């Protein structure tokens, strides 16, 4: 990717621009993982509904001796592989609108912080467009950041991550550092059956 410095602003603070570029890259990878996980959960939910619709089998055990109480350790949930198609499709959208892969694959060691930050501004604009068009997001917590919150016993540990000095058991009281994000709806375009999602961006040949 050729970085055309003539189209970039010259008043960008170099330190903040580099930090914005790094944060942007981390954010996009988190979105990719989130999308793949949501699609896998939706598919798993449809399978569970179809299984739950089947009539339960009658179990008659009149002569089975009474079961003894035993201490059984919780069995961890088996790992499942996330479907790659949605993640690949999102990568394609980010490349098309923001040249995201070109930016990440570029060796930026020879460029100044200001040049990297200016390129990150262009990538940010395209990534923001993709997110707004194809995802509906909402904060996990409604409170303002830096406010004090209390997590009751039995709180959802998947939606709230504890940091700092974790001692004892819930309820916990602490400061909300980040409100988090939850995907309410995913609106990725439908693909034809023959579409190869592994082609993130086709090669371009000018005639």
Protein backbone atom coordinates (compact mmCIF):
# COMPACT_ATOMS: atom_id res chain seq x y z
CA UNK A 1 0.00 0.00 0.00
CA UNK A 2 1.45 3.40 -0.97
CA UNK A 3 0.87 6.06 1.66
CA UNK A 4 0.14 9.32 -0.14
CA UNK A 5 1.13 11.97 2.40
CA UNK A 6 -0.27 14.80 0.27
CA UNK A 7 -3.84 13.97 1.37
CA UNK A 8 -3.10 13.79 5.08
CA UNK A 9 -3.48 16.57 7.66
CA UNK A 10 -0.29 18.04 9.12
CA UNK A 11 -1.59 19.25 12.50
CA UNK A 12 -2.25 15.81 14.03
CA UNK A 13 -0.59 15.18 17.38
CA UNK A 14 1.86 12.35 16.69
CA UNK A 15 1.64 10.57 20.04
CA UNK A 16 -2.15 10.52 20.17
CA UNK A 17 -2.36 9.52 16.51
CA UNK A 18 -0.16 6.46 17.03
CA UNK A 19 -2.15 5.48 20.10
CA UNK A 20 -5.40 5.82 18.13
CA UNK A 21 -4.03 3.54 15.41
CA UNK A 22 -3.08 0.81 17.89
CA UNK A 23 -6.44 1.03 19.69
CA UNK A 24 -8.25 0.84 16.35
CA UNK A 25 -6.46 -2.36 15.36
CA UNK A 26 -7.25 -4.01 18.71
CA UNK A 27 -10.90 -2.93 18.45
CA UNK A 28 -11.35 -4.46 15.01
CA UNK A 29 -9.94 -7.81 16.08
CA UNK A 30 -12.33 -7.83 19.04
CA UNK A 31 -15.24 -7.13 16.70
CA UNK A 32 -14.17 -10.05 14.48
CA UNK A 33 -14.12 -12.44 17.44
CA UNK A 34 -17.45 -11.09 18.69
CA UNK A 35 -19.12 -11.56 15.31
CA UNK A 36 -17.95 -15.15 14.96
CA UNK A 37 -19.12 -15.92 18.48
CA UNK A 38 -22.56 -14.37 17.95
CA UNK A 39 -23.16 -16.31 14.74
CA UNK A 40 -22.10 -19.55 16.43
CA UNK A 41 -24.45 -18.85 19.36
CA UNK A 42 -27.36 -18.13 17.01
CA UNK A 43 -26.77 -21.41 15.17
CA UNK A 44 -26.46 -23.26 18.45
CA UNK A 45 -29.74 -21.72 19.65
CA UNK A 46 -31.58 -22.91 16.54
CA UNK A 47 -30.26 -26.43 17.07
CA UNK A 48 -31.33 -26.34 20.73
CA UNK A 49 -34.85 -25.23 19.75
CA UNK A 50 -35.20 -28.09 17.27
CA UNK A 51 -34.03 -30.58 19.87
CA UNK A 52 -36.29 -29.11 22.53
CA UNK A 53 -39.33 -29.45 20.27
CA UNK A 54 -39.03 -33.26 20.29
CA UNK A 55 -41.30 -34.99 22.85
CA UNK A 56 -39.37 -36.13 25.92
CA UNK A 57 -38.83 -39.86 26.24
CA UNK A 58 -40.70 -41.47 29.11
CA UNK A 59 -38.39 -42.81 31.78
CA UNK A 60 -39.84 -45.33 34.18
CA UNK A 61 -37.50 -46.64 36.86
CA UNK A 62 -39.70 -48.08 39.61
CA UNK A 63 -37.09 -50.54 40.84
CA UNK A 64 -34.04 -48.30 40.66
CA UNK A 65 -32.50 -47.85 44.10
CA UNK A 66 -32.41 -44.37 45.54
CA UNK A 67 -29.45 -42.40 44.27
CA UNK A 68 -26.86 -41.39 46.81
CA UNK A 69 -25.69 -37.85 47.14
CA UNK A 70 -22.19 -37.52 45.77
CA UNK A 71 -19.83 -34.63 45.26
CA UNK A 72 -19.33 -34.12 41.55
CA UNK A 73 -17.01 -31.47 40.16
CA UNK A 74 -18.46 -29.20 37.51
CA UNK A 75 -17.55 -30.43 34.06
CA UNK A 76 -16.22 -27.59 31.89
CA UNK A 77 -18.14 -26.86 28.72
CA UNK A 78 -16.56 -28.44 25.64
CA UNK A 79 -14.78 -26.10 23.30
CA UNK A 80 -16.53 -25.34 20.03
CA UNK A 81 -15.10 -23.96 16.84
CA UNK A 82 -16.49 -20.63 15.66
CA UNK A 83 -17.75 -20.46 12.10
CA UNK A 84 -15.12 -18.61 10.02
CA UNK A 85 -17.40 -17.35 7.22
CA UNK A 86 -18.80 -14.38 9.16
CA UNK A 87 -15.36 -13.27 10.31
CA UNK A 88 -14.02 -13.51 6.76
CA UNK A 89 -17.00 -11.56 5.45
CA UNK A 90 -16.41 -8.80 8.01
CA UNK A 91 -12.73 -8.65 7.02
CA UNK A 92 -13.81 -8.22 3.41
CA UNK A 93 -16.12 -5.33 4.32
CA UNK A 94 -13.39 -3.62 6.34
CA UNK A 95 -10.91 -4.02 3.50
CA UNK A 96 -13.38 -2.67 0.95
CA UNK A 97 -14.39 0.40 2.96
CA UNK A 98 -11.26 1.13 5.02
CA UNK A 99 -8.34 -0.71 3.35
CA UNK A 100 -7.96 -2.27 6.78
CA UNK A 101 -5.81 -5.25 5.76
CA UNK A 102 -3.56 -3.04 3.63
CA UNK A 103 -2.99 -0.84 6.68
CA UNK A 104 -2.30 -3.72 9.09
CA UNK A 105 -0.03 -5.57 6.64
CA UNK A 106 2.01 -2.47 5.84
CA UNK A 107 5.45 -2.20 7.45
CA UNK A 108 5.14 1.19 9.12
CA UNK A 109 8.57 1.31 10.76
CA UNK A 110 9.85 3.73 8.12
CA UNK A 111 6.95 6.18 8.56
CA UNK A 112 6.64 8.90 11.16
CA UNK A 113 4.03 8.86 13.92
CA UNK A 114 2.20 11.70 12.17
CA UNK A 115 2.03 9.74 8.90
CA UNK A 116 0.74 6.64 10.68
CA UNK A 117 -1.83 8.70 12.54
CA UNK A 118 -3.03 10.35 9.33
CA UNK A 119 -3.48 6.95 7.67
CA UNK A 120 -5.28 5.71 10.79
CA UNK A 121 -7.77 8.57 10.40
CA UNK A 122 -8.76 7.22 6.96
CA UNK A 123 -8.96 3.64 8.27
CA UNK A 124 -11.05 4.81 11.22
CA UNK A 125 -13.58 6.52 8.98
CA UNK A 126 -14.09 3.39 6.87
CA UNK A 127 -14.24 1.05 9.88
CA UNK A 128 -16.79 3.31 11.57
CA UNK A 129 -18.96 3.16 8.44
CA UNK A 130 -18.88 -0.65 8.39
CA UNK A 131 -19.74 -0.94 12.09
CA UNK A 132 -22.68 1.48 11.84
CA UNK A 133 -24.07 -0.19 8.72
CA UNK A 134 -23.87 -3.83 9.83
CA UNK A 135 -24.05 -3.86 13.63
CA UNK A 136 -26.44 -2.52 16.25
CA UNK A 137 -24.53 -2.10 19.49
CA UNK A 138 -25.46 -1.03 23.00
CA UNK A 139 -23.48 -0.59 26.24
CA UNK A 140 -23.47 -3.53 28.64
CA UNK A 141 -23.79 -1.15 31.59
CA UNK A 142 -25.92 2.00 31.50
CA UNK A 143 -24.09 3.87 34.26
CA UNK A 144 -21.60 6.60 33.42
CA UNK A 145 -17.96 5.56 33.35
CA UNK A 146 -16.00 6.36 36.54
CA UNK A 147 -19.21 5.99 38.61
CA UNK A 148 -19.52 3.54 41.52
CA UNK A 149 -21.48 0.34 40.84
CA UNK A 150 -22.45 -2.69 42.91
CA UNK A 151 -22.49 -6.19 41.43
CA UNK A 152 -24.94 -8.46 43.28
CA UNK A 153 -24.45 -12.13 44.02
CA UNK A 154 -25.01 -14.16 40.86
CA UNK A 155 -24.07 -11.34 38.46
CA UNK A 156 -23.30 -12.29 34.86
CA UNK A 157 -19.54 -12.87 34.85
CA UNK A 158 -19.57 -13.12 31.04
CA UNK A 159 -20.76 -9.52 30.65
CA UNK A 160 -18.80 -7.95 33.52
CA UNK A 161 -15.08 -8.55 34.02
CA UNK A 162 -13.59 -7.89 37.42
CA UNK A 163 -10.15 -6.29 37.65
CA UNK A 164 -7.97 -5.04 40.45
CA UNK A 165 -7.92 -6.54 43.95
CA UNK A 166 -10.56 -9.30 43.85
CA UNK A 167 -11.15 -10.61 47.36
CA UNK A 168 -14.08 -12.56 48.75
CA UNK A 169 -17.42 -13.13 47.05
CA UNK A 170 -20.20 -10.98 45.62
CA UNK A 171 -21.68 -8.50 46.15
CA UNK A 172 -18.78 -6.39 44.86
CA UNK A 173 -18.55 -2.60 44.78
CA UNK A 174 -16.17 -0.84 42.44
CA UNK A 175 -15.62 1.82 39.80
CA UNK A 176 -16.97 1.35 36.28
CA UNK A 177 -13.90 1.72 34.06
CA UNK A 178 -15.60 0.77 30.76
CA UNK A 179 -19.29 0.24 30.04
CA UNK A 180 -18.63 -2.62 27.61
CA UNK A 181 -20.42 -3.35 24.35
CA UNK A 182 -23.16 -5.83 23.46
CA UNK A 183 -24.24 -6.72 19.93
CA UNK A 184 -28.02 -6.34 19.66
CA UNK A 185 -28.22 -7.17 15.96
CA UNK A 186 -25.85 -8.30 13.22
CA UNK A 187 -26.78 -7.36 9.65
CA UNK A 188 -24.10 -8.87 7.43
CA UNK A 189 -25.04 -9.14 3.74
CA UNK A 190 -26.32 -12.49 2.50
CA UNK A 191 -23.95 -14.43 0.27
CA UNK A 192 -24.65 -16.58 -2.75
CA UNK A 193 -23.91 -20.27 -2.28
CA UNK A 194 -20.93 -20.22 -4.62
CA UNK A 195 -19.22 -17.24 -2.94
CA UNK A 196 -15.74 -18.04 -1.63
CA UNK A 197 -15.39 -16.14 1.65
CA UNK A 198 -11.66 -16.89 1.72
CA UNK A 199 -11.17 -14.24 -0.99
CA UNK A 200 -11.08 -11.18 1.24
CA UNK A 201 -10.27 -8.82 -1.62
CA UNK A 202 -9.81 -9.85 -5.26
CA UNK A 203 -6.63 -8.92 -7.08
CA UNK A 204 -7.02 -5.90 -9.34
CA UNK A 205 -5.73 -5.81 -12.92
CA UNK A 206 -5.95 -2.55 -14.84
CA UNK A 207 -6.27 -2.83 -18.62
